[in-house]
Amino acid sequence: MPYKGTFKKHLAERMKAPEFQKAWHNLDPEFELLESFIKAREKKGITQAELAKKMGTKQPALSRLERGGFSGATVETLKKIADALDMRLVVKLQNKRA
């Protein structure tokens, strides 16, 4: 049966399950990276097609990445996106949150 409420209500309900909560929080870095790339592209006023051209790829490939496909993206691909946005990719390790 499809969920009929808002996403926030649905998420709050799902977050009650420890397994779901852990899986959700494991995606935090991916969500943060995805959001930063999209915000940077939009701030610079660059369309997906324009950014894809600068990267040497096609717009549908970039669209797939922006829809949440970063989990399979290589560091090289992430560097291409950063370069095309005239930015630098920074990767660092941090202690896990408690």
PDB file of N, CA and C in Angstrom:
ATOM      1  N   MET A   1       0.839  -1.185   0.000  1.00  0.00           N
ATOM      2  CA  MET A   1       0.000   0.000   0.000  1.00  0.00           C
ATOM      3  C   MET A   1       0.884   1.249   0.000  1.00  0.00           C
ATOM      4  N   PRO A   2       0.687   2.173  -0.948  1.00  0.00           N
ATOM      5  CA  PRO A   2       1.504   3.391  -1.017  1.00  0.00           C
ATOM      6  C   PRO A   2       1.292   4.270   0.204  1.00  0.00           C
ATOM      7  N   TYR A   3       2.331   4.999   0.561  1.00  0.00           N
ATOM      8  CA  TYR A   3       2.263   5.915   1.692  1.00  0.00           C
ATOM      9  C   TYR A   3       1.525   7.178   1.264  1.00  0.00           C
ATOM     10  N   LYS A   4       0.574   7.653   2.077  1.00  0.00           N
ATOM     11  CA  LYS A   4      -0.269   8.786   1.697  1.00  0.00           C
ATOM     12  C   LYS A   4       0.077  10.086   2.406  1.00  0.00           C
ATOM     13  N   GLY A   5       1.026  10.070   3.374  1.00  0.00           N
ATOM     14  CA  GLY A   5       1.377  11.280   4.109  1.00  0.00           C
ATOM     15  C   GLY A   5       2.536  12.017   3.473  1.00  0.00           C
ATOM     16  N   THR A   6       3.102  12.931   4.227  1.00  0.00           N
ATOM     17  CA  THR A   6       4.250  13.685   3.738  1.00  0.00           C
ATOM     18  C   THR A   6       5.515  12.856   3.901  1.00  0.00           C
ATOM     19  N   PHE A   7       6.524  13.234   3.163  1.00  0.00           N
ATOM     20  CA  PHE A   7       7.807  12.540   3.256  1.00  0.00           C
ATOM     21  C   PHE A   7       8.370  12.638   4.667  1.00  0.00           C
ATOM     22  N   LYS A   8       8.266  13.818   5.278  1.00  0.00           N
ATOM     23  CA  LYS A   8       8.812  14.003   6.630  1.00  0.00           C
ATOM     24  C   LYS A   8       8.135  13.072   7.635  1.00  0.00           C
ATOM     25  N   LYS A   9       6.823  12.928   7.520  1.00  0.00           N
ATOM     26  CA  LYS A   9       6.104  12.023   8.427  1.00  0.00           C
ATOM     27  C   LYS A   9       6.530  10.577   8.176  1.00  0.00           C
ATOM     28  N   HIS A  10       6.638  10.228   6.920  1.00  0.00           N
ATOM     29  CA  HIS A  10       7.057   8.873   6.554  1.00  0.00           C
ATOM     30  C   HIS A  10       8.474   8.597   7.066  1.00  0.00           C
ATOM     31  N   LEU A  11       9.357   9.541   6.874  1.00  0.00           N
ATOM     32  CA  LEU A  11      10.734   9.384   7.334  1.00  0.00           C
ATOM     33  C   LEU A  11      10.780   9.256   8.856  1.00  0.00           C
ATOM     34  N   ALA A  12      10.031  10.081   9.544  1.00  0.00           N
ATOM     35  CA  ALA A  12      10.005  10.014  11.012  1.00  0.00           C
ATOM     36  C   ALA A  12       9.544   8.636  11.480  1.00  0.00           C
ATOM     37  N   GLU A  13       8.568   8.091  10.808  1.00  0.00           N
ATOM     38  CA  GLU A  13       8.074   6.756  11.166  1.00  0.00           C
ATOM     39  C   GLU A  13       9.137   5.690  10.903  1.00  0.00           C
ATOM     40  N   ARG A  14       9.794   5.786   9.749  1.00  0.00           N
ATOM     41  CA  ARG A  14      10.828   4.808   9.398  1.00  0.00           C
ATOM     42  C   ARG A  14      12.048   4.916  10.310  1.00  0.00           C
ATOM     43  N   MET A  15      12.345   6.134  10.786  1.00  0.00           N
ATOM     44  CA  MET A  15      13.515   6.345  11.635  1.00  0.00           C
ATOM     45  C   MET A  15      13.369   5.691  13.004  1.00  0.00           C
ATOM     46  N   LYS A  16      12.186   5.230  13.333  1.00  0.00           N
ATOM     47  CA  LYS A  16      11.983   4.523  14.597  1.00  0.00           C
ATOM     48  C   LYS A  16      12.678   3.160  14.578  1.00  0.00           C
ATOM     49  N   ALA A  17      12.916   2.636  13.379  1.00  0.00           N
ATOM     50  CA  ALA A  17      13.583   1.336  13.251  1.00  0.00           C
ATOM     51  C   ALA A  17      15.100   1.548  13.253  1.00  0.00           C
ATOM     52  N   PRO A  18      15.821   0.945  14.212  1.00  0.00           N
ATOM     53  CA  PRO A  18      17.274   1.138  14.307  1.00  0.00           C
ATOM     54  C   PRO A  18      18.029   0.776  13.021  1.00  0.00           C
ATOM     55  N   GLU A  19      17.587  -0.277  12.336  1.00  0.00           N
ATOM     56  CA  GLU A  19      18.281  -0.683  11.099  1.00  0.00           C
ATOM     57  C   GLU A  19      18.144   0.390  10.026  1.00  0.00           C
ATOM     58  N   PHE A  20      16.935   0.953   9.904  1.00  0.00           N
ATOM     59  CA  PHE A  20      16.710   2.001   8.917  1.00  0.00           C
ATOM     60  C   PHE A  20      17.509   3.243   9.277  1.00  0.00           C
ATOM     61  N   GLN A  21      17.502   3.598  10.551  1.00  0.00           N
ATOM     62  CA  GLN A  21      18.220   4.778  11.026  1.00  0.00           C
ATOM     63  C   GLN A  21      19.708   4.674  10.695  1.00  0.00           C
ATOM     64  N   LYS A  22      20.284   3.498  10.930  1.00  0.00           N
ATOM     65  CA  LYS A  22      21.708   3.296  10.639  1.00  0.00           C
ATOM     66  C   LYS A  22      21.971   3.430   9.143  1.00  0.00           C
ATOM     67  N   ALA A  23      21.136   2.793   8.334  1.00  0.00           N
ATOM     68  CA  ALA A  23      21.311   2.863   6.881  1.00  0.00           C
ATOM     69  C   ALA A  23      21.168   4.299   6.381  1.00  0.00           C
ATOM     70  N   TRP A  24      20.206   5.025   6.926  1.00  0.00           N
ATOM     71  CA  TRP A  24      19.981   6.418   6.524  1.00  0.00           C
ATOM     72  C   TRP A  24      21.203   7.279   6.841  1.00  0.00           C
ATOM     73  N   HIS A  25      21.727   7.131   8.044  1.00  0.00           N
ATOM     74  CA  HIS A  25      22.866   7.950   8.457  1.00  0.00           C
ATOM     75  C   HIS A  25      24.153   7.554   7.739  1.00  0.00           C
ATOM     76  N   ASN A  26      24.239   6.342   7.268  1.00  0.00           N
ATOM     77  CA  ASN A  26      25.397   5.935   6.470  1.00  0.00           C
ATOM     78  C   ASN A  26      25.447   6.672   5.137  1.00  0.00           C
ATOM     79  N   LEU A  27      24.307   7.199   4.702  1.00  0.00           N
ATOM     80  CA  LEU A  27      24.242   7.949   3.443  1.00  0.00           C
ATOM     81  C   LEU A  27      24.511   9.439   3.623  1.00  0.00           C
ATOM     82  N   ASP A  28      24.653   9.915   4.854  1.00  0.00           N
ATOM     83  CA  ASP A  28      24.875  11.345   5.106  1.00  0.00           C
ATOM     84  C   ASP A  28      25.985  11.946   4.246  1.00  0.00           C
ATOM     85  N   PRO A  29      27.168  11.323   4.179  1.00  0.00           N
ATOM     86  CA  PRO A  29      28.229  11.934   3.361  1.00  0.00           C
ATOM     87  C   PRO A  29      27.845  12.063   1.887  1.00  0.00           C
ATOM     88  N   GLU A  30      27.158  11.059   1.369  1.00  0.00           N
ATOM     89  CA  GLU A  30      26.736  11.116  -0.034  1.00  0.00           C
ATOM     90  C   GLU A  30      25.730  12.245  -0.251  1.00  0.00           C
ATOM     91  N   PHE A  31      24.753  12.356   0.658  1.00  0.00           N
ATOM     92  CA  PHE A  31      23.758  13.418   0.545  1.00  0.00           C
ATOM     93  C   PHE A  31      24.411  14.797   0.636  1.00  0.00           C
ATOM     94  N   GLU A  32      25.355  14.960   1.544  1.00  0.00           N
ATOM     95  CA  GLU A  32      26.038  16.250   1.707  1.00  0.00           C
ATOM     96  C   GLU A  32      26.821  16.614   0.450  1.00  0.00           C
ATOM     97  N   LEU A  33      27.523  15.643  -0.110  1.00  0.00           N
ATOM     98  CA  LEU A  33      28.300  15.894  -1.320  1.00  0.00           C
ATOM     99  C   LEU A  33      27.380  16.236  -2.489  1.00  0.00           C
ATOM    100  N   LEU A  34      26.329  15.475  -2.648  1.00  0.00           N
ATOM    101  CA  LEU A  34      25.369  15.720  -3.711  1.00  0.00           C
ATOM    102  C   LEU A  34      24.783  17.120  -3.605  1.00  0.00           C
ATOM    103  N   GLU A  35      24.370  17.481  -2.395  1.00  0.00           N
ATOM    104  CA  GLU A  35      23.793  18.807  -2.177  1.00  0.00           C
ATOM    105  C   GLU A  35      24.797  19.913  -2.488  1.00  0.00           C
ATOM    106  N   SER A  36      26.065  19.717  -2.112  1.00  0.00           N
ATOM    107  CA  SER A  36      27.066  20.761  -2.357  1.00  0.00           C
ATOM    108  C   SER A  36      27.325  20.950  -3.844  1.00  0.00           C
ATOM    109  N   PHE A  37      27.345  19.864  -4.613  1.00  0.00           N
ATOM    110  CA  PHE A  37      27.547  19.988  -6.060  1.00  0.00           C
ATOM    111  C   PHE A  37      26.367  20.688  -6.728  1.00  0.00           C
ATOM    112  N   ILE A  38      25.157  20.291  -6.349  1.00  0.00           N
ATOM    113  CA  ILE A  38      23.972  20.908  -6.959  1.00  0.00           C
ATOM    114  C   ILE A  38      23.899  22.395  -6.616  1.00  0.00           C
ATOM    115  N   LYS A  39      24.142  22.740  -5.343  1.00  0.00           N
ATOM    116  CA  LYS A  39      24.113  24.155  -4.938  1.00  0.00           C
ATOM    117  C   LYS A  39      25.179  24.958  -5.666  1.00  0.00           C
ATOM    118  N   ALA A  40      26.374  24.388  -5.821  1.00  0.00           N
ATOM    119  CA  ALA A  40      27.448  25.104  -6.522  1.00  0.00           C
ATOM    120  C   ALA A  40      27.071  25.338  -7.982  1.00  0.00           C
ATOM    121  N   ARG A  41      26.510  24.305  -8.621  1.00  0.00           N
ATOM    122  CA  ARG A  41      26.107  24.447 -10.024  1.00  0.00           C
ATOM    123  C   ARG A  41      25.037  25.518 -10.168  1.00  0.00           C
ATOM    124  N   GLU A  42      24.044  25.481  -9.297  1.00  0.00           N
ATOM    125  CA  GLU A  42      22.956  26.459  -9.366  1.00  0.00           C
ATOM    126  C   GLU A  42      23.447  27.866  -9.039  1.00  0.00           C
ATOM    127  N   LYS A  43      24.340  28.000  -8.059  1.00  0.00           N
ATOM    128  CA  LYS A  43      24.870  29.311  -7.673  1.00  0.00           C
ATOM    129  C   LYS A  43      25.627  29.945  -8.842  1.00  0.00           C
ATOM    130  N   LYS A  44      26.315  29.118  -9.615  1.00  0.00           N
ATOM    131  CA  LYS A  44      27.067  29.624 -10.757  1.00  0.00           C
ATOM    132  C   LYS A  44      26.175  29.829 -11.986  1.00  0.00           C
ATOM    133  N   GLY A  45      24.904  29.432 -11.870  1.00  0.00           N
ATOM    134  CA  GLY A  45      23.965  29.621 -12.978  1.00  0.00           C
ATOM    135  C   GLY A  45      24.258  28.720 -14.161  1.00  0.00           C
ATOM    136  N   ILE A  46      24.793  27.530 -13.887  1.00  0.00           N
ATOM    137  CA  ILE A  46      25.160  26.587 -14.942  1.00  0.00           C
ATOM    138  C   ILE A  46      24.097  25.499 -15.029  1.00  0.00           C
ATOM    139  N   THR A  47      23.640  25.210 -16.231  1.00  0.00           N
ATOM    140  CA  THR A  47      22.680  24.128 -16.414  1.00  0.00           C
ATOM    141  C   THR A  47      23.405  22.786 -16.377  1.00  0.00           C
ATOM    142  N   GLN A  48      22.632  21.721 -16.231  1.00  0.00           N
ATOM    143  CA  GLN A  48      23.214  20.381 -16.279  1.00  0.00           C
ATOM    144  C   GLN A  48      23.906  20.159 -17.625  1.00  0.00           C
ATOM    145  N   ALA A  49      23.285  20.609 -18.689  1.00  0.00           N
ATOM    146  CA  ALA A  49      23.861  20.431 -20.032  1.00  0.00           C
ATOM    147  C   ALA A  49      25.198  21.160 -20.157  1.00  0.00           C
ATOM    148  N   GLU A  50      25.262  22.373 -19.633  1.00  0.00           N
ATOM    149  CA  GLU A  50      26.505  23.147 -19.703  1.00  0.00           C
ATOM    150  C   GLU A  50      27.610  22.482 -18.879  1.00  0.00           C
ATOM    151  N   LEU A  51      27.248  22.034 -17.676  1.00  0.00           N
ATOM    152  CA  LEU A  51      28.240  21.378 -16.819  1.00  0.00           C
ATOM    153  C   LEU A  51      28.705  20.068 -17.441  1.00  0.00           C
ATOM    154  N   ALA A  52      27.779  19.303 -17.980  1.00  0.00           N
ATOM    155  CA  ALA A  52      28.133  18.032 -18.622  1.00  0.00           C
ATOM    156  C   ALA A  52      29.105  18.275 -19.778  1.00  0.00           C
ATOM    157  N   LYS A  53      28.864  19.309 -20.563  1.00  0.00           N
ATOM    158  CA  LYS A  53      29.754  19.627 -21.684  1.00  0.00           C
ATOM    159  C   LYS A  53      31.156  19.957 -21.174  1.00  0.00           C
ATOM    160  N   LYS A  54      31.237  20.747 -20.107  1.00  0.00           N
ATOM    161  CA  LYS A  54      32.540  21.085 -19.525  1.00  0.00           C
ATOM    162  C   LYS A  54      33.264  19.842 -19.012  1.00  0.00           C
ATOM    163  N   MET A  55      32.481  18.856 -18.547  1.00  0.00           N
ATOM    164  CA  MET A  55      33.058  17.617 -18.025  1.00  0.00           C
ATOM    165  C   MET A  55      33.417  16.622 -19.122  1.00  0.00           C
ATOM    166  N   GLY A  56      32.895  16.859 -20.329  1.00  0.00           N
ATOM    167  CA  GLY A  56      33.124  15.914 -21.413  1.00  0.00           C
ATOM    168  C   GLY A  56      32.193  14.715 -21.346  1.00  0.00           C
ATOM    169  N   THR A  57      30.992  14.945 -20.797  1.00  0.00           N
ATOM    170  CA  THR A  57      29.999  13.869 -20.709  1.00  0.00           C
ATOM    171  C   THR A  57      28.666  14.389 -21.227  1.00  0.00           C
ATOM    172  N   LYS A  58      27.637  13.586 -21.108  1.00  0.00           N
ATOM    173  CA  LYS A  58      26.300  13.959 -21.581  1.00  0.00           C
ATOM    174  C   LYS A  58      25.418  14.371 -20.403  1.00  0.00           C
ATOM    175  N   GLN A  59      24.438  15.215 -20.671  1.00  0.00           N
ATOM    176  CA  GLN A  59      23.528  15.714 -19.642  1.00  0.00           C
ATOM    177  C   GLN A  59      22.796  14.593 -18.910  1.00  0.00           C
ATOM    178  N   PRO A  60      22.300  13.547 -19.597  1.00  0.00           N
ATOM    179  CA  PRO A  60      21.603  12.486 -18.850  1.00  0.00           C
ATOM    180  C   PRO A  60      22.487  11.803 -17.797  1.00  0.00           C
ATOM    181  N   ALA A  61      23.772  11.677 -18.075  1.00  0.00           N
ATOM    182  CA  ALA A  61      24.690  11.065 -17.106  1.00  0.00           C
ATOM    183  C   ALA A  61      24.804  11.947 -15.861  1.00  0.00           C
ATOM    184  N   LEU A  62      24.903  13.245 -16.068  1.00  0.00           N
ATOM    185  CA  LEU A  62      24.978  14.177 -14.939  1.00  0.00           C
ATOM    186  C   LEU A  62      23.654  14.200 -14.171  1.00  0.00           C
ATOM    187  N   SER A  63      22.554  14.127 -14.892  1.00  0.00           N
ATOM    188  CA  SER A  63      21.242  14.084 -14.257  1.00  0.00           C
ATOM    189  C   SER A  63      21.121  12.866 -13.341  1.00  0.00           C
ATOM    190  N   ARG A  64      21.610  11.722 -13.794  1.00  0.00           N
ATOM    191  CA  ARG A  64      21.579  10.512 -12.963  1.00  0.00           C
ATOM    192  C   ARG A  64      22.386  10.711 -11.678  1.00  0.00           C
ATOM    193  N   LEU A  65      23.534  11.348 -11.803  1.00  0.00           N
ATOM    194  CA  LEU A  65      24.356  11.624 -10.617  1.00  0.00           C
ATOM    195  C   LEU A  65      23.611  12.536  -9.644  1.00  0.00           C
ATOM    196  N   GLU A  66      22.977  13.573 -10.177  1.00  0.00           N
ATOM    197  CA  GLU A  66      22.276  14.527  -9.319  1.00  0.00           C
ATOM    198  C   GLU A  66      21.025  13.929  -8.687  1.00  0.00           C
ATOM    199  N   ARG A  67      20.504  12.886  -9.276  1.00  0.00           N
ATOM    200  CA  ARG A  67      19.332  12.220  -8.690  1.00  0.00           C
ATOM    201  C   ARG A  67      19.750  11.215  -7.625  1.00  0.00           C
ATOM    202  N   GLY A  68      21.007  11.221  -7.251  1.00  0.00           N
ATOM    203  CA  GLY A  68      21.431  10.361  -6.163  1.00  0.00           C
ATOM    204  C   GLY A  68      22.319   9.218  -6.565  1.00  0.00           C
ATOM    205  N   GLY A  69      22.961   9.330  -7.698  1.00  0.00           N
ATOM    206  CA  GLY A  69      23.815   8.248  -8.159  1.00  0.00           C
ATOM    207  C   GLY A  69      25.269   8.377  -7.753  1.00  0.00           C
ATOM    208  N   PHE A  70      25.569   9.179  -6.730  1.00  0.00           N
ATOM    209  CA  PHE A  70      26.959   9.383  -6.338  1.00  0.00           C
ATOM    210  C   PHE A  70      27.573   8.164  -5.678  1.00  0.00           C
ATOM    211  N   SER A  71      26.751   7.231  -5.205  1.00  0.00           N
ATOM    212  CA  SER A  71      27.312   6.087  -4.476  1.00  0.00           C
ATOM    213  C   SER A  71      28.273   5.279  -5.344  1.00  0.00           C
ATOM    214  N   GLY A  72      28.083   5.282  -6.643  1.00  0.00           N
ATOM    215  CA  GLY A  72      28.976   4.541  -7.528  1.00  0.00           C
ATOM    216  C   GLY A  72      29.984   5.425  -8.248  1.00  0.00           C
ATOM    217  N   ALA A  73      29.975   6.717  -7.953  1.00  0.00           N
ATOM    218  CA  ALA A  73      30.874   7.650  -8.631  1.00  0.00           C
ATOM    219  C   ALA A  73      32.308   7.466  -8.142  1.00  0.00           C
ATOM    220  N   THR A  74      33.235   7.548  -9.068  1.00  0.00           N
ATOM    221  CA  THR A  74      34.647   7.449  -8.700  1.00  0.00           C
ATOM    222  C   THR A  74      35.162   8.812  -8.253  1.00  0.00           C
ATOM    223  N   VAL A  75      36.286   8.796  -7.586  1.00  0.00           N
ATOM    224  CA  VAL A  75      36.920  10.056  -7.181  1.00  0.00           C
ATOM    225  C   VAL A  75      37.249  10.859  -8.437  1.00  0.00           C
ATOM    226  N   GLU A  76      37.648  10.191  -9.491  1.00  0.00           N
ATOM    227  CA  GLU A  76      37.960  10.880 -10.744  1.00  0.00           C
ATOM    228  C   GLU A  76      36.738  11.628 -11.282  1.00  0.00           C
ATOM    229  N   THR A  77      35.569  11.005 -11.232  1.00  0.00           N
ATOM    230  CA  THR A  77      34.340  11.665 -11.684  1.00  0.00           C
ATOM    231  C   THR A  77      34.020  12.862 -10.806  1.00  0.00           C
ATOM    232  N   LEU A  78      34.170  12.703  -9.507  1.00  0.00           N
ATOM    233  CA  LEU A  78      33.913  13.817  -8.593  1.00  0.00           C
ATOM    234  C   LEU A  78      34.884  14.965  -8.851  1.00  0.00           C
ATOM    235  N   LYS A  79      36.140  14.637  -9.161  1.00  0.00           N
ATOM    236  CA  LYS A  79      37.127  15.674  -9.496  1.00  0.00           C
ATOM    237  C   LYS A  79      36.743  16.378 -10.796  1.00  0.00           C
ATOM    238  N   LYS A  80      36.225  15.648 -11.768  1.00  0.00           N
ATOM    239  CA  LYS A  80      35.789  16.262 -13.027  1.00  0.00           C
ATOM    240  C   LYS A  80      34.668  17.273 -12.773  1.00  0.00           C
ATOM    241  N   ILE A  81      33.728  16.891 -11.906  1.00  0.00           N
ATOM    242  CA  ILE A  81      32.630  17.808 -11.581  1.00  0.00           C
ATOM    243  C   ILE A  81      33.186  19.056 -10.900  1.00  0.00           C
ATOM    244  N   ALA A  82      34.036  18.853  -9.912  1.00  0.00           N
ATOM    245  CA  ALA A  82      34.627  19.990  -9.199  1.00  0.00           C
ATOM    246  C   ALA A  82      35.409  20.887 -10.160  1.00  0.00           C
ATOM    247  N   ASP A  83      36.223  20.295 -11.026  1.00  0.00           N
ATOM    248  CA  ASP A  83      36.997  21.080 -11.997  1.00  0.00           C
ATOM    249  C   ASP A  83      36.087  21.877 -12.924  1.00  0.00           C
ATOM    250  N   ALA A  84      35.020  21.226 -13.391  1.00  0.00           N
ATOM    251  CA  ALA A  84      34.089  21.903 -14.298  1.00  0.00           C
ATOM    252  C   ALA A  84      33.377  23.061 -13.608  1.00  0.00           C
ATOM    253  N   LEU A  85      33.264  22.984 -12.285  1.00  0.00           N
ATOM    254  CA  LEU A  85      32.659  24.067 -11.504  1.00  0.00           C
ATOM    255  C   LEU A  85      33.711  25.068 -11.031  1.00  0.00           C
ATOM    256  N   ASP A  86      34.941  24.884 -11.482  1.00  0.00           N
ATOM    257  CA  ASP A  86      36.066  25.720 -11.074  1.00  0.00           C
ATOM    258  C   ASP A  86      36.230  25.687  -9.552  1.00  0.00           C
ATOM    259  N   MET A  87      36.151  24.455  -9.023  1.00  0.00           N
ATOM    260  CA  MET A  87      36.275  24.235  -7.594  1.00  0.00           C
ATOM    261  C   MET A  87      37.282  23.113  -7.361  1.00  0.00           C
ATOM    262  N   ARG A  88      37.584  22.874  -6.108  1.00  0.00           N
ATOM    263  CA  ARG A  88      38.530  21.826  -5.727  1.00  0.00           C
ATOM    264  C   ARG A  88      37.801  20.810  -4.861  1.00  0.00           C
ATOM    265  N   LEU A  89      37.976  19.529  -5.156  1.00  0.00           N
ATOM    266  CA  LEU A  89      37.392  18.460  -4.352  1.00  0.00           C
ATOM    267  C   LEU A  89      38.288  18.212  -3.149  1.00  0.00           C
ATOM    268  N   VAL A  90      37.700  18.211  -1.953  1.00  0.00           N
ATOM    269  CA  VAL A  90      38.437  17.958  -0.723  1.00  0.00           C
ATOM    270  C   VAL A  90      37.818  16.726  -0.065  1.00  0.00           C
ATOM    271  N   VAL A  91      38.651  15.731   0.189  1.00  0.00           N
ATOM    272  CA  VAL A  91      38.197  14.507   0.853  1.00  0.00           C
ATOM    273  C   VAL A  91      38.971  14.373   2.151  1.00  0.00           C
ATOM    274  N   LYS A  92      38.268  14.110   3.241  1.00  0.00           N
ATOM    275  CA  LYS A  92      38.952  13.972   4.521  1.00  0.00           C
ATOM    276  C   LYS A  92      38.244  12.923   5.367  1.00  0.00           C
ATOM    277  N   LEU A  93      38.980  12.365   6.302  1.00  0.00           N
ATOM    278  CA  LEU A  93      38.426  11.400   7.240  1.00  0.00           C
ATOM    279  C   LEU A  93      38.111  12.097   8.558  1.00  0.00           C
ATOM    280  N   GLN A  94      36.999  11.704   9.169  1.00  0.00           N
ATOM    281  CA  GLN A  94      36.604  12.246  10.465  1.00  0.00           C
ATOM    282  C   GLN A  94      36.166  11.090  11.350  1.00  0.00           C
ATOM    283  N   ASN A  95      36.211  11.307  12.647  1.00  0.00           N
ATOM    284  CA  ASN A  95      35.681  10.315  13.572  1.00  0.00           C
ATOM    285  C   ASN A  95      34.183  10.188  13.360  1.00  0.00           C
ATOM    286  N   LYS A  96      33.676   8.961  13.530  1.00  0.00           N
ATOM    287  CA  LYS A  96      32.242   8.743  13.411  1.00  0.00           C
ATOM    288  C   LYS A  96      31.527   9.460  14.536  1.00  0.00           C
ATOM    289  N   ARG A  97      30.307   9.883  14.245  1.00  0.00           N
ATOM    290  CA  ARG A  97      29.477  10.517  15.271  1.00  0.00           C
ATOM    291  C   ARG A  97      29.031   9.452  16.255  1.00  0.00           C
ATOM    292  N   ALA A  98      28.875   9.863  17.473  1.00  0.00           N
ATOM    293  CA  ALA A  98      28.455   8.908  18.521  1.00  0.00           C
ATOM    294  C   ALA A  98      27.040   8.444  18.312  1.00  0.00           C
TER     295      ALA A  98
END
